[in-house]
Amino acid sequence: MAPQGDIPIAANVLGTIGTVFWCIQLIPQIWYNWKQKKTDGLPGLMMFLWAVSAVPFGVYAIVQ
């Protein structure tokens, strides 16, 4: 792992964006489970947001 001073700004921005998307992707699942009053099933929106959040995380991991 690179020292903190050596990480490019773009990598930090992408890491932050990925973290925010990763946190947001949990909301549709929580909402779906609450409305259905059950915990089976997986909404497509959650899977889409999960995939979108993986892109900046992957770039961050490579750049770092």
PDB file of N, CA and C in Angstrom:
ATOM      1  N   MET A   1       0.850  -1.172   0.000  1.00  0.00           N
ATOM      2  CA  MET A   1       0.000   0.000   0.000  1.00  0.00           C
ATOM      3  C   MET A   1       0.895   1.235   0.000  1.00  0.00           C
ATOM      4  N   ALA A   2       0.519   2.220  -0.798  1.00  0.00           N
ATOM      5  CA  ALA A   2       1.312   3.442  -0.923  1.00  0.00           C
ATOM      6  C   ALA A   2       1.114   4.337   0.291  1.00  0.00           C
ATOM      7  N   PRO A   3       2.165   5.081   0.664  1.00  0.00           N
ATOM      8  CA  PRO A   3       1.985   6.065   1.734  1.00  0.00           C
ATOM      9  C   PRO A   3       0.925   7.089   1.331  1.00  0.00           C
ATOM     10  N   GLN A   4       0.229   7.646   2.297  1.00  0.00           N
ATOM     11  CA  GLN A   4      -0.880   8.555   2.012  1.00  0.00           C
ATOM     12  C   GLN A   4      -0.475   9.742   1.143  1.00  0.00           C
ATOM     13  N   GLY A   5       0.727  10.248   1.272  1.00  0.00           N
ATOM     14  CA  GLY A   5       1.159  11.393   0.486  1.00  0.00           C
ATOM     15  C   GLY A   5       1.390  11.058  -0.976  1.00  0.00           C
ATOM     16  N   ASP A   6       1.539   9.782  -1.317  1.00  0.00           N
ATOM     17  CA  ASP A   6       1.827   9.365  -2.679  1.00  0.00           C
ATOM     18  C   ASP A   6       0.588   8.973  -3.481  1.00  0.00           C
ATOM     19  N   ILE A   7      -0.592   9.000  -2.876  1.00  0.00           N
ATOM     20  CA  ILE A   7      -1.812   8.600  -3.573  1.00  0.00           C
ATOM     21  C   ILE A   7      -2.331   9.796  -4.376  1.00  0.00           C
ATOM     22  N   PRO A   8      -2.529   9.623  -5.689  1.00  0.00           N
ATOM     23  CA  PRO A   8      -3.026  10.724  -6.515  1.00  0.00           C
ATOM     24  C   PRO A   8      -4.414  11.187  -6.084  1.00  0.00           C
ATOM     25  N   ILE A   9      -4.706  12.452  -6.341  1.00  0.00           N
ATOM     26  CA  ILE A   9      -6.006  13.025  -5.967  1.00  0.00           C
ATOM     27  C   ILE A   9      -7.134  12.265  -6.663  1.00  0.00           C
ATOM     28  N   ALA A  10      -6.933  11.909  -7.930  1.00  0.00           N
ATOM     29  CA  ALA A  10      -7.977  11.179  -8.665  1.00  0.00           C
ATOM     30  C   ALA A  10      -8.313   9.860  -7.975  1.00  0.00           C
ATOM     31  N   ALA A  11      -7.321   9.191  -7.437  1.00  0.00           N
ATOM     32  CA  ALA A  11      -7.564   7.925  -6.738  1.00  0.00           C
ATOM     33  C   ALA A  11      -8.393   8.154  -5.482  1.00  0.00           C
ATOM     34  N   ASN A  12      -8.104   9.221  -4.754  1.00  0.00           N
ATOM     35  CA  ASN A  12      -8.888   9.531  -3.562  1.00  0.00           C
ATOM     36  C   ASN A  12     -10.322   9.890  -3.921  1.00  0.00           C
ATOM     37  N   VAL A  13     -10.498  10.646  -5.008  1.00  0.00           N
ATOM     38  CA  VAL A  13     -11.844  11.024  -5.443  1.00  0.00           C
ATOM     39  C   VAL A  13     -12.632   9.770  -5.844  1.00  0.00           C
ATOM     40  N   LEU A  14     -12.015   8.900  -6.630  1.00  0.00           N
ATOM     41  CA  LEU A  14     -12.698   7.674  -7.047  1.00  0.00           C
ATOM     42  C   LEU A  14     -12.997   6.764  -5.858  1.00  0.00           C
ATOM     43  N   GLY A  15     -12.092   6.693  -4.918  1.00  0.00           N
ATOM     44  CA  GLY A  15     -12.338   5.899  -3.706  1.00  0.00           C
ATOM     45  C   GLY A  15     -13.508   6.438  -2.903  1.00  0.00           C
ATOM     46  N   THR A  16     -13.586   7.761  -2.807  1.00  0.00           N
ATOM     47  CA  THR A  16     -14.692   8.392  -2.080  1.00  0.00           C
ATOM     48  C   THR A  16     -16.011   8.158  -2.808  1.00  0.00           C
ATOM     49  N   ILE A  17     -16.019   8.333  -4.133  1.00  0.00           N
ATOM     50  CA  ILE A  17     -17.234   8.105  -4.917  1.00  0.00           C
ATOM     51  C   ILE A  17     -17.688   6.654  -4.761  1.00  0.00           C
ATOM     52  N   GLY A  18     -16.761   5.721  -4.848  1.00  0.00           N
ATOM     53  CA  GLY A  18     -17.108   4.312  -4.683  1.00  0.00           C
ATOM     54  C   GLY A  18     -17.695   4.021  -3.315  1.00  0.00           C
ATOM     55  N   THR A  19     -17.135   4.637  -2.283  1.00  0.00           N
ATOM     56  CA  THR A  19     -17.635   4.433  -0.925  1.00  0.00           C
ATOM     57  C   THR A  19     -19.054   4.965  -0.780  1.00  0.00           C
ATOM     58  N   VAL A  20     -19.305   6.157  -1.335  1.00  0.00           N
ATOM     59  CA  VAL A  20     -20.645   6.743  -1.265  1.00  0.00           C
ATOM     60  C   VAL A  20     -21.645   5.860  -2.012  1.00  0.00           C
ATOM     61  N   PHE A  21     -21.300   5.432  -3.234  1.00  0.00           N
ATOM     62  CA  PHE A  21     -22.191   4.553  -3.988  1.00  0.00           C
ATOM     63  C   PHE A  21     -22.434   3.243  -3.252  1.00  0.00           C
ATOM     64  N   TRP A  22     -21.397   2.713  -2.636  1.00  0.00           N
ATOM     65  CA  TRP A  22     -21.530   1.457  -1.915  1.00  0.00           C
ATOM     66  C   TRP A  22     -22.519   1.619  -0.755  1.00  0.00           C
ATOM     67  N   CYS A  23     -22.446   2.756  -0.068  1.00  0.00           N
ATOM     68  CA  CYS A  23     -23.378   3.005   1.039  1.00  0.00           C
ATOM     69  C   CYS A  23     -24.808   3.196   0.532  1.00  0.00           C
ATOM     70  N   ILE A  24     -24.948   3.916  -0.591  1.00  0.00           N
ATOM     71  CA  ILE A  24     -26.274   4.185  -1.149  1.00  0.00           C
ATOM     72  C   ILE A  24     -26.921   2.903  -1.662  1.00  0.00           C
ATOM     73  N   GLN A  25     -26.138   1.982  -2.169  1.00  0.00           N
ATOM     74  CA  GLN A  25     -26.706   0.766  -2.752  1.00  0.00           C
ATOM     75  C   GLN A  25     -27.448  -0.090  -1.731  1.00  0.00           C
ATOM     76  N   LEU A  26     -27.235   0.159  -0.463  1.00  0.00           N
ATOM     77  CA  LEU A  26     -27.948  -0.607   0.564  1.00  0.00           C
ATOM     78  C   LEU A  26     -29.381  -0.119   0.760  1.00  0.00           C
ATOM     79  N   ILE A  27     -29.656   1.134   0.407  1.00  0.00           N
ATOM     80  CA  ILE A  27     -30.965   1.736   0.669  1.00  0.00           C
ATOM     81  C   ILE A  27     -32.102   1.001  -0.050  1.00  0.00           C
ATOM     82  N   PRO A  28     -32.000   0.680  -1.363  1.00  0.00           N
ATOM     83  CA  PRO A  28     -33.124  -0.027  -2.000  1.00  0.00           C
ATOM     84  C   PRO A  28     -33.450  -1.369  -1.341  1.00  0.00           C
ATOM     85  N   GLN A  29     -32.429  -2.091  -0.892  1.00  0.00           N
ATOM     86  CA  GLN A  29     -32.679  -3.384  -0.240  1.00  0.00           C
ATOM     87  C   GLN A  29     -33.402  -3.186   1.083  1.00  0.00           C
ATOM     88  N   ILE A  30     -32.977  -2.208   1.843  1.00  0.00           N
ATOM     89  CA  ILE A  30     -33.637  -1.925   3.120  1.00  0.00           C
ATOM     90  C   ILE A  30     -35.084  -1.509   2.878  1.00  0.00           C
ATOM     91  N   TRP A  31     -35.298  -0.630   1.908  1.00  0.00           N
ATOM     92  CA  TRP A  31     -36.650  -0.161   1.585  1.00  0.00           C
ATOM     93  C   TRP A  31     -37.542  -1.328   1.113  1.00  0.00           C
ATOM     94  N   TYR A  32     -37.015  -2.145   0.226  1.00  0.00           N
ATOM     95  CA  TYR A  32     -37.763  -3.287  -0.303  1.00  0.00           C
ATOM     96  C   TYR A  32     -38.163  -4.240   0.824  1.00  0.00           C
ATOM     97  N   ASN A  33     -37.213  -4.567   1.672  1.00  0.00           N
ATOM     98  CA  ASN A  33     -37.505  -5.484   2.778  1.00  0.00           C
ATOM     99  C   ASN A  33     -38.537  -4.895   3.728  1.00  0.00           C
ATOM    100  N   TRP A  34     -38.458  -3.601   3.983  1.00  0.00           N
ATOM    101  CA  TRP A  34     -39.391  -2.956   4.898  1.00  0.00           C
ATOM    102  C   TRP A  34     -40.799  -2.956   4.308  1.00  0.00           C
ATOM    103  N   LYS A  35     -40.926  -2.639   3.016  1.00  0.00           N
ATOM    104  CA  LYS A  35     -42.248  -2.599   2.387  1.00  0.00           C
ATOM    105  C   LYS A  35     -42.858  -3.995   2.273  1.00  0.00           C
ATOM    106  N   GLN A  36     -42.043  -4.995   1.952  1.00  0.00           N
ATOM    107  CA  GLN A  36     -42.552  -6.357   1.771  1.00  0.00           C
ATOM    108  C   GLN A  36     -42.696  -7.113   3.091  1.00  0.00           C
ATOM    109  N   LYS A  37     -42.089  -6.589   4.143  1.00  0.00           N
ATOM    110  CA  LYS A  37     -42.095  -7.242   5.458  1.00  0.00           C
ATOM    111  C   LYS A  37     -41.501  -8.650   5.392  1.00  0.00           C
ATOM    112  N   LYS A  38     -40.523  -8.815   4.493  1.00  0.00           N
ATOM    113  CA  LYS A  38     -39.806 -10.079   4.388  1.00  0.00           C
ATOM    114  C   LYS A  38     -38.409  -9.794   3.857  1.00  0.00           C
ATOM    115  N   THR A  39     -37.530 -10.749   3.996  1.00  0.00           N
ATOM    116  CA  THR A  39     -36.134 -10.507   3.620  1.00  0.00           C
ATOM    117  C   THR A  39     -35.659 -11.362   2.453  1.00  0.00           C
ATOM    118  N   ASP A  40     -36.565 -11.999   1.728  1.00  0.00           N
ATOM    119  CA  ASP A  40     -36.121 -12.752   0.555  1.00  0.00           C
ATOM    120  C   ASP A  40     -36.253 -11.874  -0.695  1.00  0.00           C
ATOM    121  N   GLY A  41     -35.484 -12.176  -1.689  1.00  0.00           N
ATOM    122  CA  GLY A  41     -35.502 -11.398  -2.920  1.00  0.00           C
ATOM    123  C   GLY A  41     -34.413 -10.341  -2.922  1.00  0.00           C
ATOM    124  N   LEU A  42     -34.036  -9.933  -4.112  1.00  0.00           N
ATOM    125  CA  LEU A  42     -32.982  -8.946  -4.269  1.00  0.00           C
ATOM    126  C   LEU A  42     -33.364  -8.006  -5.405  1.00  0.00           C
ATOM    127  N   PRO A  43     -33.593  -6.714  -5.118  1.00  0.00           N
ATOM    128  CA  PRO A  43     -34.014  -5.794  -6.176  1.00  0.00           C
ATOM    129  C   PRO A  43     -32.915  -5.575  -7.223  1.00  0.00           C
ATOM    130  N   GLY A  44     -33.333  -5.412  -8.454  1.00  0.00           N
ATOM    131  CA  GLY A  44     -32.397  -5.143  -9.543  1.00  0.00           C
ATOM    132  C   GLY A  44     -31.647  -3.840  -9.358  1.00  0.00           C
ATOM    133  N   LEU A  45     -32.315  -2.830  -8.774  1.00  0.00           N
ATOM    134  CA  LEU A  45     -31.661  -1.540  -8.551  1.00  0.00           C
ATOM    135  C   LEU A  45     -30.458  -1.681  -7.629  1.00  0.00           C
ATOM    136  N   MET A  46     -30.575  -2.517  -6.620  1.00  0.00           N
ATOM    137  CA  MET A  46     -29.442  -2.725  -5.725  1.00  0.00           C
ATOM    138  C   MET A  46     -28.265  -3.353  -6.470  1.00  0.00           C
ATOM    139  N   MET A  47     -28.556  -4.334  -7.302  1.00  0.00           N
ATOM    140  CA  MET A  47     -27.490  -4.979  -8.060  1.00  0.00           C
ATOM    141  C   MET A  47     -26.829  -3.995  -9.024  1.00  0.00           C
ATOM    142  N   PHE A  48     -27.634  -3.125  -9.650  1.00  0.00           N
ATOM    143  CA  PHE A  48     -27.099  -2.115 -10.557  1.00  0.00           C
ATOM    144  C   PHE A  48     -26.181  -1.149  -9.808  1.00  0.00           C
ATOM    145  N   LEU A  49     -26.653  -0.634  -8.667  1.00  0.00           N
ATOM    146  CA  LEU A  49     -25.829   0.293  -7.886  1.00  0.00           C
ATOM    147  C   LEU A  49     -24.565  -0.394  -7.368  1.00  0.00           C
ATOM    148  N   TRP A  50     -24.666  -1.655  -7.036  1.00  0.00           N
ATOM    149  CA  TRP A  50     -23.506  -2.413  -6.576  1.00  0.00           C
ATOM    150  C   TRP A  50     -22.459  -2.498  -7.690  1.00  0.00           C
ATOM    151  N   ALA A  51     -22.923  -2.763  -8.901  1.00  0.00           N
ATOM    152  CA  ALA A  51     -22.006  -2.839 -10.044  1.00  0.00           C
ATOM    153  C   ALA A  51     -21.393  -1.477 -10.349  1.00  0.00           C
ATOM    154  N   VAL A  52     -22.195  -0.412 -10.273  1.00  0.00           N
ATOM    155  CA  VAL A  52     -21.684   0.941 -10.531  1.00  0.00           C
ATOM    156  C   VAL A  52     -20.630   1.322  -9.496  1.00  0.00           C
ATOM    157  N   SER A  53     -20.857   0.983  -8.252  1.00  0.00           N
ATOM    158  CA  SER A  53     -19.895   1.342  -7.206  1.00  0.00           C
ATOM    159  C   SER A  53     -18.598   0.554  -7.335  1.00  0.00           C
ATOM    160  N   ALA A  54     -18.639  -0.581  -8.001  1.00  0.00           N
ATOM    161  CA  ALA A  54     -17.437  -1.393  -8.156  1.00  0.00           C
ATOM    162  C   ALA A  54     -16.438  -0.756  -9.120  1.00  0.00           C
ATOM    163  N   VAL A  55     -16.922   0.046 -10.068  1.00  0.00           N
ATOM    164  CA  VAL A  55     -16.023   0.666 -11.051  1.00  0.00           C
ATOM    165  C   VAL A  55     -15.029   1.615 -10.380  1.00  0.00           C
ATOM    166  N   PRO A  56     -15.506   2.632  -9.620  1.00  0.00           N
ATOM    167  CA  PRO A  56     -14.515   3.503  -8.975  1.00  0.00           C
ATOM    168  C   PRO A  56     -13.642   2.770  -7.957  1.00  0.00           C
ATOM    169  N   PHE A  57     -14.212   1.787  -7.255  1.00  0.00           N
ATOM    170  CA  PHE A  57     -13.403   1.004  -6.323  1.00  0.00           C
ATOM    171  C   PHE A  57     -12.281   0.276  -7.044  1.00  0.00           C
ATOM    172  N   GLY A  58     -12.609  -0.315  -8.193  1.00  0.00           N
ATOM    173  CA  GLY A  58     -11.601  -1.026  -8.960  1.00  0.00           C
ATOM    174  C   GLY A  58     -10.510  -0.115  -9.481  1.00  0.00           C
ATOM    175  N   VAL A  59     -10.908   1.036  -9.991  1.00  0.00           N
ATOM    176  CA  VAL A  59      -9.909   2.005 -10.483  1.00  0.00           C
ATOM    177  C   VAL A  59      -9.041   2.496  -9.327  1.00  0.00           C
ATOM    178  N   TYR A  60      -9.662   2.757  -8.195  1.00  0.00           N
ATOM    179  CA  TYR A  60      -8.921   3.199  -7.013  1.00  0.00           C
ATOM    180  C   TYR A  60      -7.889   2.149  -6.607  1.00  0.00           C
ATOM    181  N   ALA A  61      -8.302   0.897  -6.604  1.00  0.00           N
ATOM    182  CA  ALA A  61      -7.383  -0.177  -6.211  1.00  0.00           C
ATOM    183  C   ALA A  61      -6.210  -0.295  -7.170  1.00  0.00           C
ATOM    184  N   ILE A  62      -6.473  -0.117  -8.457  1.00  0.00           N
ATOM    185  CA  ILE A  62      -5.409  -0.214  -9.450  1.00  0.00           C
ATOM    186  C   ILE A  62      -4.468   0.979  -9.362  1.00  0.00           C
ATOM    187  N   VAL A  63      -5.028   2.181  -9.259  1.00  0.00           N
ATOM    188  CA  VAL A  63      -4.218   3.404  -9.220  1.00  0.00           C
ATOM    189  C   VAL A  63      -3.393   3.471  -7.944  1.00  0.00           C
ATOM    190  N   GLN A  64      -3.967   3.021  -6.862  1.00  0.00           N
ATOM    191  CA  GLN A  64      -3.264   3.099  -5.588  1.00  0.00           C
ATOM    192  C   GLN A  64      -2.083   2.163  -5.626  1.00  0.00           C
TER     193      GLN A  64
END
